[in-house]
PDB file of all heavy atoms in Angstrom:
ATOM      1  N   SER A   1       0.793  -1.189   0.048  1.00  0.00           N
ATOM      2  CA  SER A   1       0.019  -0.023  -0.009  1.00  0.00           C
ATOM      3  C   SER A   1       0.836   1.250  -0.061  1.00  0.00           C
ATOM      4  O   SER A   1       0.541   2.249  -0.613  1.00  0.00           O
ATOM      5  CB  SER A   1      -0.983  -0.004   1.123  1.00  0.00           C
ATOM      6  OG  SER A   1      -0.303   0.045   2.363  1.00  0.00           O
ATOM      7  N   GLN A   2       1.997   1.232   0.694  1.00  0.00           N
ATOM      8  CA  GLN A   2       2.886   2.370   0.626  1.00  0.00           C
ATOM      9  C   GLN A   2       3.523   2.505  -0.815  1.00  0.00           C
ATOM     10  O   GLN A   2       3.648   3.684  -1.243  1.00  0.00           O
ATOM     11  CB  GLN A   2       4.084   2.105   1.621  1.00  0.00           C
ATOM     12  CG  GLN A   2       3.663   2.299   3.091  1.00  0.00           C
ATOM     13  CD  GLN A   2       4.802   1.945   4.011  1.00  0.00           C
ATOM     14  OE1 GLN A   2       5.608   1.065   3.674  1.00  0.00           O
ATOM     15  NE2 GLN A   2       4.996   2.729   5.044  1.00  0.00           N
ATOM     16  N   ILE A   3       3.853   1.460  -1.396  1.00  0.00           N
ATOM     17  CA  ILE A   3       4.321   1.544  -2.795  1.00  0.00           C
ATOM     18  C   ILE A   3       3.326   2.163  -3.725  1.00  0.00           C
ATOM     19  O   ILE A   3       3.524   2.968  -4.527  1.00  0.00           O
ATOM     20  CB  ILE A   3       4.775   0.139  -3.266  1.00  0.00           C
ATOM     21  CG1 ILE A   3       6.061  -0.257  -2.577  1.00  0.00           C
ATOM     22  CG2 ILE A   3       4.980   0.094  -4.823  1.00  0.00           C
ATOM     23  CD1 ILE A   3       6.437  -1.692  -2.835  1.00  0.00           C
ATOM     24  N   LEU A   4       1.995   1.720  -3.629  1.00  0.00           N
ATOM     25  CA  LEU A   4       1.003   2.228  -4.428  1.00  0.00           C
ATOM     26  C   LEU A   4       0.790   3.712  -4.202  1.00  0.00           C
ATOM     27  O   LEU A   4       0.524   4.517  -5.114  1.00  0.00           O
ATOM     28  CB  LEU A   4      -0.332   1.438  -4.216  1.00  0.00           C
ATOM     29  CG  LEU A   4      -0.406   0.096  -4.762  1.00  0.00           C
ATOM     30  CD1 LEU A   4      -1.655  -0.614  -4.269  1.00  0.00           C
ATOM     31  CD2 LEU A   4      -0.281   0.150  -6.291  1.00  0.00           C
ATOM     32  N   ALA A   5       0.836   4.122  -2.899  1.00  0.00           N
ATOM     33  CA  ALA A   5       0.638   5.570  -2.609  1.00  0.00           C
ATOM     34  C   ALA A   5       1.718   6.395  -3.230  1.00  0.00           C
ATOM     35  O   ALA A   5       1.519   7.487  -3.781  1.00  0.00           O
ATOM     36  CB  ALA A   5       0.585   5.747  -1.106  1.00  0.00           C
ATOM     37  N   LEU A   6       2.988   5.931  -3.105  1.00  0.00           N
ATOM     38  CA  LEU A   6       4.094   6.671  -3.697  1.00  0.00           C
ATOM     39  C   LEU A   6       4.101   6.658  -5.141  1.00  0.00           C
ATOM     40  O   LEU A   6       4.327   7.716  -5.881  1.00  0.00           O
ATOM     41  CB  LEU A   6       5.397   6.049  -3.255  1.00  0.00           C
ATOM     42  CG  LEU A   6       6.163   6.580  -2.118  1.00  0.00           C
ATOM     43  CD1 LEU A   6       7.415   5.813  -1.760  1.00  0.00           C
ATOM     44  CD2 LEU A   6       6.514   8.071  -2.359  1.00  0.00           C
ATOM     45  N   LYS A   7       3.635   5.623  -5.833  1.00  0.00           N
ATOM     46  CA  LYS A   7       3.445   5.586  -7.262  1.00  0.00           C
ATOM     47  C   LYS A   7       2.357   6.601  -7.754  1.00  0.00           C
ATOM     48  O   LYS A   7       2.538   7.207  -8.799  1.00  0.00           O
ATOM     49  CB  LYS A   7       3.183   4.236  -7.732  1.00  0.00           C
ATOM     50  CG  LYS A   7       4.330   3.232  -7.812  1.00  0.00           C
ATOM     51  CD  LYS A   7       3.921   1.873  -8.380  1.00  0.00           C
ATOM     52  CE  LYS A   7       5.124   1.003  -8.689  1.00  0.00           C
ATOM     53  NZ  LYS A   7       4.712  -0.248  -9.293  1.00  0.00           N
ATOM     54  N   ARG A   8       1.323   6.716  -7.043  1.00  0.00           N
ATOM     55  CA  ARG A   8       0.282   7.719  -7.346  1.00  0.00           C
ATOM     56  C   ARG A   8       0.911   9.076  -7.341  1.00  0.00           C
ATOM     57  O   ARG A   8       0.595   9.899  -8.271  1.00  0.00           O
ATOM     58  CB  ARG A   8      -0.789   7.598  -6.312  1.00  0.00           C
ATOM     59  CG  ARG A   8      -2.207   7.514  -6.905  1.00  0.00           C
ATOM     60  CD  ARG A   8      -3.320   7.252  -5.910  1.00  0.00           C
ATOM     61  NE  ARG A   8      -3.445   5.928  -5.606  1.00  0.00           N
ATOM     62  CZ  ARG A   8      -3.283   5.341  -4.454  1.00  0.00           C
ATOM     63  NH1 ARG A   8      -3.034   6.136  -3.387  1.00  0.00           N
ATOM     64  NH2 ARG A   8      -3.412   4.024  -4.240  1.00  0.00           N
ATOM     65  N   VAL A   9       1.724   9.419  -6.314  1.00  0.00           N
ATOM     66  CA  VAL A   9       2.350  10.716  -6.246  1.00  0.00           C
ATOM     67  C   VAL A   9       3.328  10.956  -7.362  1.00  0.00           C
ATOM     68  O   VAL A   9       3.343  11.987  -8.005  1.00  0.00           O
ATOM     69  CB  VAL A   9       3.112  10.873  -4.873  1.00  0.00           C
ATOM     70  CG1 VAL A   9       4.006  12.065  -4.852  1.00  0.00           C
ATOM     71  CG2 VAL A   9       2.092  10.899  -3.767  1.00  0.00           C
ATOM     72  N   LEU A  10       4.151   9.916  -7.709  1.00  0.00           N
ATOM     73  CA  LEU A  10       5.090  10.057  -8.783  1.00  0.00           C
ATOM     74  C   LEU A  10       4.506  10.151 -10.149  1.00  0.00           C
ATOM     75  O   LEU A  10       5.072  10.631 -11.104  1.00  0.00           O
ATOM     76  CB  LEU A  10       6.143   8.905  -8.633  1.00  0.00           C
ATOM     77  CG  LEU A  10       7.122   9.055  -7.536  1.00  0.00           C
ATOM     78  CD1 LEU A  10       7.920   7.781  -7.264  1.00  0.00           C
ATOM     79  CD2 LEU A  10       7.986  10.144  -7.541  1.00  0.00           C
ATOM     80  N   ARG A  11       3.300   9.605 -10.381  1.00  0.00           N
ATOM     81  CA  ARG A  11       2.608   9.551 -11.665  1.00  0.00           C
ATOM     82  C   ARG A  11       1.984  10.961 -11.973  1.00  0.00           C
ATOM     83  O   ARG A  11       1.740  11.257 -13.123  1.00  0.00           O
ATOM     84  CB  ARG A  11       1.576   8.506 -11.752  1.00  0.00           C
ATOM     85  CG  ARG A  11       2.184   7.080 -11.872  1.00  0.00           C
ATOM     86  CD  ARG A  11       1.117   6.085 -12.027  1.00  0.00           C
ATOM     87  NE  ARG A  11       1.701   4.659 -12.067  1.00  0.00           N
ATOM     88  CZ  ARG A  11       1.348   3.742 -11.358  1.00  0.00           C
ATOM     89  NH1 ARG A  11       0.268   3.840 -10.512  1.00  0.00           N
ATOM     90  NH2 ARG A  11       1.883   2.560 -11.404  1.00  0.00           N
ATOM     91  N   ALA A  12       1.682  11.697 -10.913  1.00  0.00           N
ATOM     92  CA  ALA A  12       1.073  12.998 -11.188  1.00  0.00           C
ATOM     93  C   ALA A  12       2.094  13.950 -11.634  1.00  0.00           C
ATOM     94  O   ALA A  12       3.349  13.691 -11.407  1.00  0.00           O
ATOM     95  CB  ALA A  12       0.436  13.487  -9.777  1.00  0.00           C
ATOM     96  N   PRO A  13       1.693  15.103 -12.273  1.00  0.00           N
ATOM     97  CA  PRO A  13       2.657  16.120 -12.704  1.00  0.00           C
ATOM     98  C   PRO A  13       3.444  16.621 -11.505  1.00  0.00           C
ATOM     99  O   PRO A  13       2.917  16.922 -10.348  1.00  0.00           O
ATOM    100  CB  PRO A  13       1.746  17.162 -13.295  1.00  0.00           C
ATOM    101  CG  PRO A  13       0.521  16.542 -13.620  1.00  0.00           C
ATOM    102  CD  PRO A  13       0.343  15.431 -12.689  1.00  0.00           C
ATOM    103  N   TRP A  14       4.724  16.662 -11.627  1.00  0.00           N
ATOM    104  CA  TRP A  14       5.681  17.050 -10.567  1.00  0.00           C
ATOM    105  C   TRP A  14       5.626  18.596 -10.407  1.00  0.00           C
ATOM    106  O   TRP A  14       5.828  19.274 -11.381  1.00  0.00           O
ATOM    107  CB  TRP A  14       7.072  16.558 -10.838  1.00  0.00           C
ATOM    108  CG  TRP A  14       7.192  15.074 -10.764  1.00  0.00           C
ATOM    109  CD1 TRP A  14       6.253  14.151 -10.666  1.00  0.00           C
ATOM    110  CD2 TRP A  14       8.470  14.318 -10.867  1.00  0.00           C
ATOM    111  NE1 TRP A  14       6.728  12.949 -10.701  1.00  0.00           N
ATOM    112  CE2 TRP A  14       8.130  13.002 -10.843  1.00  0.00           C
ATOM    113  CE3 TRP A  14       9.752  14.707 -10.963  1.00  0.00           C
ATOM    114  CZ2 TRP A  14       9.033  11.995 -10.876  1.00  0.00           C
ATOM    115  CZ3 TRP A  14      10.731  13.728 -11.100  1.00  0.00           C
ATOM    116  CH2 TRP A  14      10.408  12.413 -10.929  1.00  0.00           C
ATOM    117  N   GLN A  15       5.445  19.049  -9.177  1.00  0.00           N
ATOM    118  CA  GLN A  15       5.481  20.456  -8.835  1.00  0.00           C
ATOM    119  C   GLN A  15       6.785  20.806  -8.107  1.00  0.00           C
ATOM    120  O   GLN A  15       6.935  21.957  -7.888  1.00  0.00           O
ATOM    121  CB  GLN A  15       4.286  20.834  -7.983  1.00  0.00           C
ATOM    122  CG  GLN A  15       2.869  20.461  -8.626  1.00  0.00           C
ATOM    123  CD  GLN A  15       2.740  21.257  -9.986  1.00  0.00           C
ATOM    124  OE1 GLN A  15       2.973  22.426 -10.108  1.00  0.00           O
ATOM    125  NE2 GLN A  15       2.166  20.489 -10.946  1.00  0.00           N
ATOM    126  N   GLN A  16       7.547  19.760  -7.789  1.00  0.00           N
ATOM    127  CA  GLN A  16       8.797  20.017  -7.016  1.00  0.00           C
ATOM    128  C   GLN A  16       9.667  18.896  -7.296  1.00  0.00           C
ATOM    129  O   GLN A  16       9.322  17.817  -7.891  1.00  0.00           O
ATOM    130  CB  GLN A  16       8.416  20.015  -5.506  1.00  0.00           C
ATOM    131  CG  GLN A  16       7.797  18.686  -5.066  1.00  0.00           C
ATOM    132  CD  GLN A  16       7.235  18.705  -3.657  1.00  0.00           C
ATOM    133  OE1 GLN A  16       6.758  19.773  -3.273  1.00  0.00           O
ATOM    134  NE2 GLN A  16       7.100  17.599  -2.992  1.00  0.00           N
ATOM    135  N   PRO A  17      10.899  18.887  -6.940  1.00  0.00           N
ATOM    136  CA  PRO A  17      11.894  17.817  -6.981  1.00  0.00           C
ATOM    137  C   PRO A  17      11.320  16.593  -6.268  1.00  0.00           C
ATOM    138  O   PRO A  17      10.829  16.639  -5.181  1.00  0.00           O
ATOM    139  CB  PRO A  17      13.152  18.213  -6.413  1.00  0.00           C
ATOM    140  CG  PRO A  17      13.154  19.781  -6.516  1.00  0.00           C
ATOM    141  CD  PRO A  17      11.586  20.126  -6.445  1.00  0.00           C
ATOM    142  N   MET A  18      11.482  15.379  -6.928  1.00  0.00           N
ATOM    143  CA  MET A  18      10.853  14.181  -6.376  1.00  0.00           C
ATOM    144  C   MET A  18      11.905  13.148  -6.061  1.00  0.00           C
ATOM    145  O   MET A  18      11.627  11.922  -5.999  1.00  0.00           O
ATOM    146  CB  MET A  18       9.833  13.585  -7.291  1.00  0.00           C
ATOM    147  CG  MET A  18       8.657  14.518  -7.506  1.00  0.00           C
ATOM    148  SD  MET A  18       7.731  14.911  -6.164  1.00  0.00           S
ATOM    149  CE  MET A  18       6.414  13.653  -6.303  1.00  0.00           C
ATOM    150  N   ALA A  19      13.194  13.486  -5.937  1.00  0.00           N
ATOM    151  CA  ALA A  19      14.261  12.560  -5.794  1.00  0.00           C
ATOM    152  C   ALA A  19      14.069  11.732  -4.516  1.00  0.00           C
ATOM    153  O   ALA A  19      14.285  10.518  -4.441  1.00  0.00           O
ATOM    154  CB  ALA A  19      15.591  13.301  -5.707  1.00  0.00           C
ATOM    155  N   SER A  20      13.658  12.339  -3.442  1.00  0.00           N
ATOM    156  CA  SER A  20      13.460  11.617  -2.095  1.00  0.00           C
ATOM    157  C   SER A  20      12.395  10.557  -2.246  1.00  0.00           C
ATOM    158  O   SER A  20      12.430   9.517  -1.702  1.00  0.00           O
ATOM    159  CB  SER A  20      13.244  12.597  -0.927  1.00  0.00           C
ATOM    160  OG  SER A  20      12.041  13.299  -1.199  1.00  0.00           O
ATOM    161  N   GLU A  21      11.300  10.919  -2.986  1.00  0.00           N
ATOM    162  CA  GLU A  21      10.212   9.953  -3.222  1.00  0.00           C
ATOM    163  C   GLU A  21      10.633   8.782  -4.027  1.00  0.00           C
ATOM    164  O   GLU A  21      10.278   7.702  -3.824  1.00  0.00           O
ATOM    165  CB  GLU A  21       8.983  10.724  -3.804  1.00  0.00           C
ATOM    166  CG  GLU A  21       8.175  11.578  -2.883  1.00  0.00           C
ATOM    167  CD  GLU A  21       8.791  13.015  -2.789  1.00  0.00           C
ATOM    168  OE1 GLU A  21       9.904  13.218  -3.274  1.00  0.00           O
ATOM    169  OE2 GLU A  21       8.094  13.815  -2.205  1.00  0.00           O
ATOM    170  N   GLN A  22      11.448   9.155  -5.006  1.00  0.00           N
ATOM    171  CA  GLN A  22      12.043   7.983  -5.840  1.00  0.00           C
ATOM    172  C   GLN A  22      12.926   7.020  -5.116  1.00  0.00           C
ATOM    173  O   GLN A  22      12.821   5.847  -5.249  1.00  0.00           O
ATOM    174  CB  GLN A  22      12.742   8.604  -7.136  1.00  0.00           C
ATOM    175  CG  GLN A  22      11.824   9.353  -8.090  1.00  0.00           C
ATOM    176  CD  GLN A  22      12.578   9.976  -9.158  1.00  0.00           C
ATOM    177  OE1 GLN A  22      13.542  10.689  -8.950  1.00  0.00           O
ATOM    178  NE2 GLN A  22      12.090   9.793 -10.440  1.00  0.00           N
ATOM    179  N   ARG A  23      13.706   7.580  -4.300  1.00  0.00           N
ATOM    180  CA  ARG A  23      14.568   6.845  -3.350  1.00  0.00           C
ATOM    181  C   ARG A  23      13.799   5.924  -2.463  1.00  0.00           C
ATOM    182  O   ARG A  23      14.107   4.785  -2.177  1.00  0.00           O
ATOM    183  CB  ARG A  23      15.620   7.696  -2.670  1.00  0.00           C
ATOM    184  CG  ARG A  23      16.738   8.050  -3.407  1.00  0.00           C
ATOM    185  CD  ARG A  23      17.851   8.686  -2.632  1.00  0.00           C
ATOM    186  NE  ARG A  23      17.389   9.994  -1.938  1.00  0.00           N
ATOM    187  CZ  ARG A  23      17.443  11.235  -2.555  1.00  0.00           C
ATOM    188  NH1 ARG A  23      18.032  11.317  -3.738  1.00  0.00           N
ATOM    189  NH2 ARG A  23      17.093  12.220  -1.928  1.00  0.00           N
ATOM    190  N   GLU A  24      12.751   6.589  -1.913  1.00  0.00           N
ATOM    191  CA  GLU A  24      11.928   5.835  -0.895  1.00  0.00           C
ATOM    192  C   GLU A  24      11.143   4.723  -1.734  1.00  0.00           C
ATOM    193  O   GLU A  24      11.095   3.606  -1.075  1.00  0.00           O
ATOM    194  CB  GLU A  24      10.857   6.841  -0.320  1.00  0.00           C
ATOM    195  CG  GLU A  24       9.943   6.137   0.629  1.00  0.00           C
ATOM    196  CD  GLU A  24      10.587   5.663   1.937  1.00  0.00           C
ATOM    197  OE1 GLU A  24      11.723   6.142   2.230  1.00  0.00           O
ATOM    198  OE2 GLU A  24       9.997   4.827   2.619  1.00  0.00           O
ATOM    199  N   LEU A  25      10.693   4.939  -2.899  1.00  0.00           N
ATOM    200  CA  LEU A  25      10.013   3.869  -3.692  1.00  0.00           C
ATOM    201  C   LEU A  25      10.990   2.717  -3.912  1.00  0.00           C
ATOM    202  O   LEU A  25      10.674   1.519  -3.691  1.00  0.00           O
ATOM    203  CB  LEU A  25       9.546   4.408  -5.037  1.00  0.00           C
ATOM    204  CG  LEU A  25       8.906   3.430  -5.890  1.00  0.00           C
ATOM    205  CD1 LEU A  25       7.640   2.757  -5.252  1.00  0.00           C
ATOM    206  CD2 LEU A  25       8.473   4.026  -7.206  1.00  0.00           C
ATOM    207  N   CYS A  26      12.193   3.009  -4.331  1.00  0.00           N
ATOM    208  CA  CYS A  26      13.216   1.956  -4.442  1.00  0.00           C
ATOM    209  C   CYS A  26      13.520   1.182  -3.237  1.00  0.00           C
ATOM    210  O   CYS A  26      13.639  -0.051  -3.303  1.00  0.00           O
ATOM    211  CB  CYS A  26      14.626   2.553  -5.011  1.00  0.00           C
ATOM    212  SG  CYS A  26      14.470   3.106  -6.722  1.00  0.00           S
ATOM    213  N   LYS A  27      13.656   1.869  -2.128  1.00  0.00           N
ATOM    214  CA  LYS A  27      13.766   1.242  -0.838  1.00  0.00           C
ATOM    215  C   LYS A  27      12.680   0.341  -0.475  1.00  0.00           C
ATOM    216  O   LYS A  27      12.871  -0.862  -0.054  1.00  0.00           O
ATOM    217  CB  LYS A  27      14.090   2.267   0.297  1.00  0.00           C
ATOM    218  CG  LYS A  27      14.359   1.714   1.646  1.00  0.00           C
ATOM    219  CD  LYS A  27      14.553   2.772   2.668  1.00  0.00           C
ATOM    220  CE  LYS A  27      13.265   2.968   3.374  1.00  0.00           C
ATOM    221  NZ  LYS A  27      13.364   3.991   4.455  1.00  0.00           N
ATOM    222  N   LEU A  28      11.480   0.768  -0.655  1.00  0.00           N
ATOM    223  CA  LEU A  28      10.262  -0.030  -0.368  1.00  0.00           C
ATOM    224  C   LEU A  28      10.191  -1.295  -1.282  1.00  0.00           C
ATOM    225  O   LEU A  28       9.858  -2.403  -0.850  1.00  0.00           O
ATOM    226  CB  LEU A  28       8.936   0.744  -0.514  1.00  0.00           C
ATOM    227  CG  LEU A  28       8.738   1.826   0.615  1.00  0.00           C
ATOM    228  CD1 LEU A  28       7.528   2.687   0.267  1.00  0.00           C
ATOM    229  CD2 LEU A  28       8.543   1.129   1.932  1.00  0.00           C
ATOM    230  N   LYS A  29      10.517  -1.075  -2.580  1.00  0.00           N
ATOM    231  CA  LYS A  29      10.450  -2.265  -3.509  1.00  0.00           C
ATOM    232  C   LYS A  29      11.533  -3.239  -3.130  1.00  0.00           C
ATOM    233  O   LYS A  29      11.292  -4.452  -3.212  1.00  0.00           O
ATOM    234  CB  LYS A  29      10.717  -1.659  -4.993  1.00  0.00           C
ATOM    235  CG  LYS A  29       9.384  -0.953  -5.470  1.00  0.00           C
ATOM    236  CD  LYS A  29       9.721  -0.263  -6.750  1.00  0.00           C
ATOM    237  CE  LYS A  29       9.340  -1.097  -7.953  1.00  0.00           C
ATOM    238  NZ  LYS A  29       9.520  -0.294  -9.188  1.00  0.00           N
ATOM    239  N   ARG A  30      12.709  -2.806  -2.707  1.00  0.00           N
ATOM    240  CA  ARG A  30      13.695  -3.744  -2.277  1.00  0.00           C
ATOM    241  C   ARG A  30      13.244  -4.527  -1.006  1.00  0.00           C
ATOM    242  O   ARG A  30      13.466  -5.657  -0.963  1.00  0.00           O
ATOM    243  CB  ARG A  30      15.016  -2.957  -1.969  1.00  0.00           C
ATOM    244  CG  ARG A  30      16.201  -3.892  -1.790  1.00  0.00           C
ATOM    245  CD  ARG A  30      17.480  -3.138  -1.676  1.00  0.00           C
ATOM    246  NE  ARG A  30      17.619  -2.035  -2.598  1.00  0.00           N
ATOM    247  CZ  ARG A  30      17.675  -0.708  -2.299  1.00  0.00           C
ATOM    248  NH1 ARG A  30      17.542  -0.345  -1.069  1.00  0.00           N
ATOM    249  NH2 ARG A  30      17.794   0.236  -3.337  1.00  0.00           N
ATOM    250  N   ARG A  31      12.666  -3.828  -0.104  1.00  0.00           N
ATOM    251  CA  ARG A  31      12.172  -4.507   1.155  1.00  0.00           C
ATOM    252  C   ARG A  31      11.047  -5.521   0.789  1.00  0.00           C
ATOM    253  O   ARG A  31      10.916  -6.619   1.284  1.00  0.00           O
ATOM    254  CB  ARG A  31      11.598  -3.442   2.079  1.00  0.00           C
ATOM    255  CG  ARG A  31      11.054  -3.927   3.387  1.00  0.00           C
ATOM    256  CD  ARG A  31      12.091  -4.629   4.196  1.00  0.00           C
ATOM    257  NE  ARG A  31      11.400  -5.107   5.391  1.00  0.00           N
ATOM    258  CZ  ARG A  31      12.034  -5.716   6.432  1.00  0.00           C
ATOM    259  NH1 ARG A  31      13.320  -5.893   6.294  1.00  0.00           N
ATOM    260  NH2 ARG A  31      11.409  -6.146   7.497  1.00  0.00           N
TER     261      ARG A  31
END
């Protein structure tokens, strides 16, 4: 569910840098 929520955020038009969200997604996927 955390992965799905982050993907929803990352699929929307970016209004700010999203590097931390991308790193968090990679960490969650690895876990």
